[in-house]
Amino acid sequence: MLIVPRLPCINLGIISLSFSQSTDTGDYYPEGYDRDAISFEEGMGGSQAMMGGDRGGPALPGMENLGADAVMMGGIEQAEDIPEGMEFIMSSVPDGQFEMTVAASSSGSDLELDIAPVCMTFEDYFAGFTADSHPSFSVSPAVGRMDRRGGEPTALTITCAPKGQAGSFEAGLVINLPEDNSKICYKIIANVF
């Protein structure tokens, strides 16, 4: 007979794992946390969402009383006059040309121009005519603030008042944008009969 010493028993069976919902919550959840208490849609708008149409405070905290009784300090001041010594010099190639017809016996005629903004920010502009332009031309408004690129165009009115003279009058309209160090130039021709 063969005698085999008795060895400790090692169970090499298959380990079965089962997954079930645990009632234990991790350390990062508060006591009594119920993960099913919050619906899927809640919080979808982020921190700026309007819950029920009221966020419970002003749109800009600290600005509740900004109204008729508020005092505004500083800000950007718009120029009112053409600066002393500003020159209106036409570029070698104008950005466009416009023609108008005017009766010599009339008090004048207007040409409406919509100038598309070309700068990245709001920009003060100064409009005037070159020194060799016919004196019957004027522009209004000569000073203003142009919108930024992609914004509303600036409306300028060119007036030609010939005062009884006839002929072909020419002018060079220059719109200086000094902060951007650029200008917009148009050739204006008035056929006065």
Protein backbone atom coordinates (compact mmCIF):
# COMPACT_ATOMS: atom_id res chain seq x y z
CA MET A 1 0.00 0.00 0.00
CA LEU A 2 1.19 3.36 -0.89
CA ILE A 3 0.89 6.05 1.69
CA VAL A 4 0.40 9.64 0.38
CA PRO A 5 0.82 12.40 2.85
CA ARG A 6 -2.20 14.62 3.24
CA LEU A 7 -1.72 18.10 1.71
CA PRO A 8 -3.77 21.17 2.48
CA CYS A 9 -6.80 21.52 0.22
CA ILE A 10 -6.64 24.23 -2.49
CA ASN A 11 -9.82 24.96 -4.31
CA LEU A 12 -9.11 25.62 -7.98
CA GLY A 13 -12.71 26.06 -8.98
CA ILE A 14 -14.06 28.87 -11.23
CA ILE A 15 -14.50 32.19 -9.57
CA SER A 16 -17.86 33.68 -10.30
CA LEU A 17 -18.35 37.38 -10.24
CA SER A 18 -21.73 38.99 -10.09
CA PHE A 19 -22.48 42.64 -10.61
CA SER A 20 -25.32 44.15 -8.70
CA GLN A 21 -26.28 47.64 -7.62
CA SER A 22 -24.36 48.48 -4.53
CA THR A 23 -25.93 50.34 -1.68
CA ASP A 24 -22.58 51.63 -0.59
CA THR A 25 -21.55 55.04 -1.97
CA GLY A 26 -18.01 56.24 -2.45
CA ASP A 27 -16.34 58.84 -0.30
CA TYR A 28 -17.01 61.54 -2.88
CA TYR A 29 -20.81 61.35 -2.50
CA PRO A 30 -22.59 62.93 0.48
CA GLU A 31 -24.38 60.74 3.00
CA GLY A 32 -27.84 59.74 1.83
CA TYR A 33 -27.05 60.46 -1.84
CA ASP A 34 -29.58 59.03 -4.27
CA ARG A 35 -28.21 58.89 -7.80
CA ASP A 36 -31.70 58.50 -9.28
CA ALA A 37 -32.96 61.73 -7.66
CA ILE A 38 -31.66 64.01 -10.47
CA SER A 39 -33.40 63.72 -13.84
CA PHE A 40 -31.46 63.49 -17.08
CA GLU A 41 -32.58 66.95 -18.32
CA GLU A 42 -31.62 68.83 -15.18
CA GLY A 43 -28.44 70.84 -15.62
CA MET A 44 -28.41 70.53 -19.42
CA GLY A 45 -28.23 74.32 -19.81
CA GLY A 46 -25.08 74.62 -17.73
CA SER A 47 -24.51 77.17 -15.03
CA GLN A 48 -26.17 79.97 -17.03
CA ALA A 49 -29.44 78.10 -17.66
CA MET A 50 -32.68 79.83 -16.81
CA MET A 51 -34.42 77.49 -14.41
CA GLY A 52 -38.10 78.27 -14.65
CA GLY A 53 -37.36 81.62 -16.36
CA ASP A 54 -35.81 83.25 -13.28
CA ARG A 55 -32.20 82.99 -12.21
CA GLY A 56 -32.96 84.60 -8.90
CA GLY A 57 -30.96 87.78 -9.46
CA PRO A 58 -29.93 90.50 -11.91
CA ALA A 59 -28.31 89.64 -15.23
CA LEU A 60 -25.20 91.52 -14.12
CA PRO A 61 -24.72 91.39 -10.36
CA GLY A 62 -24.01 94.83 -8.94
CA MET A 63 -25.84 96.54 -11.80
CA GLU A 64 -29.35 96.39 -10.30
CA ASN A 65 -29.71 100.18 -10.12
CA LEU A 66 -28.11 101.17 -13.43
CA GLY A 67 -30.72 103.43 -14.94
CA ALA A 68 -31.76 107.06 -15.19
CA ASP A 69 -30.15 107.96 -11.87
CA ALA A 70 -26.78 106.34 -12.73
CA VAL A 71 -23.68 108.46 -13.27
CA MET A 72 -21.40 107.23 -16.04
CA MET A 73 -17.72 108.08 -15.62
CA GLY A 74 -15.18 108.02 -18.44
CA GLY A 75 -15.93 106.12 -21.62
CA ILE A 76 -14.92 106.71 -25.21
CA GLU A 77 -15.37 110.24 -26.47
CA GLN A 78 -16.24 110.74 -30.11
CA ALA A 79 -14.49 113.50 -32.06
CA GLU A 80 -16.67 116.47 -32.99
CA ASP A 81 -14.43 118.40 -35.40
CA ILE A 82 -11.80 117.63 -38.01
CA PRO A 83 -8.40 117.91 -36.27
CA GLU A 84 -6.26 120.93 -37.10
CA GLY A 85 -3.85 120.22 -39.96
CA MET A 86 -5.50 116.99 -41.19
CA GLU A 87 -4.84 116.51 -44.90
CA PHE A 88 -7.19 114.89 -47.39
CA ILE A 89 -4.98 113.33 -50.03
CA MET A 90 -6.36 110.91 -52.61
CA SER A 91 -4.67 107.52 -53.00
CA SER A 92 -3.28 106.66 -56.42
CA VAL A 93 -6.16 104.25 -57.11
CA PRO A 94 -9.58 105.30 -55.73
CA ASP A 95 -11.84 102.71 -54.09
CA GLY A 96 -14.69 103.67 -56.41
CA GLN A 97 -16.27 106.31 -58.62
CA PHE A 98 -19.73 107.87 -58.48
CA GLU A 99 -21.53 110.17 -60.90
CA MET A 100 -24.43 112.50 -60.33
CA THR A 101 -26.51 114.80 -62.48
CA VAL A 102 -27.34 118.30 -61.27
CA ALA A 103 -29.32 121.15 -62.81
CA ALA A 104 -27.26 124.37 -62.77
CA SER A 105 -30.35 126.42 -61.93
CA SER A 106 -31.25 124.24 -58.91
CA SER A 107 -30.18 124.75 -55.31
CA GLY A 108 -28.18 121.51 -55.61
CA SER A 109 -28.47 117.76 -55.62
CA ASP A 110 -27.51 115.02 -53.17
CA LEU A 111 -25.77 111.69 -53.63
CA GLU A 112 -26.23 109.15 -50.82
CA LEU A 113 -23.29 106.83 -50.16
CA ASP A 114 -23.27 103.82 -47.83
CA ILE A 115 -19.67 103.19 -46.82
CA ALA A 116 -18.99 99.63 -45.64
CA PRO A 117 -16.85 99.52 -42.47
CA VAL A 118 -13.32 98.20 -42.97
CA CYS A 119 -11.75 98.30 -39.48
CA MET A 120 -11.71 95.61 -36.80
CA THR A 121 -13.13 97.98 -34.16
CA PHE A 122 -15.32 101.07 -34.02
CA GLU A 123 -13.33 103.89 -35.59
CA ASP A 124 -13.64 107.69 -35.74
CA TYR A 125 -13.66 108.94 -39.33
CA PHE A 126 -13.06 112.36 -40.88
CA ALA A 127 -14.43 112.98 -44.39
CA GLY A 128 -13.36 115.81 -46.68
CA PHE A 129 -12.36 116.66 -50.23
CA THR A 130 -8.95 117.01 -51.80
CA ALA A 131 -7.58 120.53 -52.35
CA ASP A 132 -8.13 120.31 -56.14
CA SER A 133 -11.84 119.40 -55.79
CA HIS A 134 -14.50 121.75 -57.17
CA PRO A 135 -15.77 124.07 -54.40
CA SER A 136 -19.44 123.22 -55.05
CA PHE A 137 -19.07 119.86 -53.20
CA SER A 138 -19.73 119.24 -49.50
CA VAL A 139 -20.07 116.09 -47.36
CA SER A 140 -22.26 115.44 -44.34
CA PRO A 141 -21.58 114.25 -41.69
CA ALA A 142 -17.89 115.08 -42.04
CA VAL A 143 -17.06 113.57 -38.63
CA GLY A 144 -18.45 110.44 -37.01
CA ARG A 145 -17.80 106.92 -35.80
CA MET A 146 -17.71 104.03 -38.25
CA ASP A 147 -18.94 100.61 -37.18
CA ARG A 148 -16.57 97.64 -37.08
CA ARG A 149 -16.11 95.28 -40.04
CA GLY A 150 -19.31 93.38 -40.81
CA GLY A 151 -21.45 96.01 -39.03
CA GLU A 152 -23.81 98.69 -40.30
CA PRO A 153 -22.57 100.90 -43.17
CA THR A 154 -21.90 104.59 -42.60
CA ALA A 155 -24.28 106.85 -44.55
CA LEU A 156 -22.68 109.94 -46.09
CA THR A 157 -24.46 112.60 -48.14
CA ILE A 158 -22.49 114.31 -50.92
CA THR A 159 -24.04 117.61 -52.00
CA CYS A 160 -23.22 119.51 -55.17
CA ALA A 161 -24.54 123.09 -55.21
CA PRO A 162 -23.37 124.58 -58.57
CA LYS A 163 -24.83 128.11 -58.05
CA GLY A 164 -25.67 128.57 -61.72
CA GLN A 165 -22.42 127.16 -63.15
CA ALA A 166 -22.52 124.35 -65.71
CA GLY A 167 -19.98 121.75 -66.74
CA SER A 168 -18.36 118.60 -65.42
CA PHE A 169 -17.24 119.07 -61.83
CA GLU A 170 -14.89 116.61 -60.15
CA ALA A 171 -13.98 115.99 -56.53
CA GLY A 172 -11.88 113.53 -54.57
CA LEU A 173 -13.67 112.36 -51.40
CA VAL A 174 -11.26 111.09 -48.74
CA ILE A 175 -12.41 109.37 -45.54
CA ASN A 176 -9.50 109.37 -43.09
CA LEU A 177 -9.37 106.64 -40.42
CA PRO A 178 -6.40 107.88 -38.34
CA GLU A 179 -6.46 105.21 -35.61
CA ASP A 180 -6.24 102.49 -38.25
CA ASN A 181 -3.79 104.58 -40.31
CA SER A 182 -5.88 104.07 -43.44
CA LYS A 183 -8.28 105.91 -45.72
CA ILE A 184 -11.11 105.28 -48.16
CA CYS A 185 -11.14 107.35 -51.38
CA TYR A 186 -13.84 107.95 -54.00
CA LYS A 187 -13.87 110.01 -57.17
CA ILE A 188 -17.08 112.05 -57.53
CA ILE A 189 -18.18 113.49 -60.88
CA ALA A 190 -21.11 115.90 -61.17
CA ASN A 191 -22.52 116.50 -64.64
CA VAL A 192 -24.11 119.94 -64.31
CA PHE A 193 -26.41 121.04 -67.17
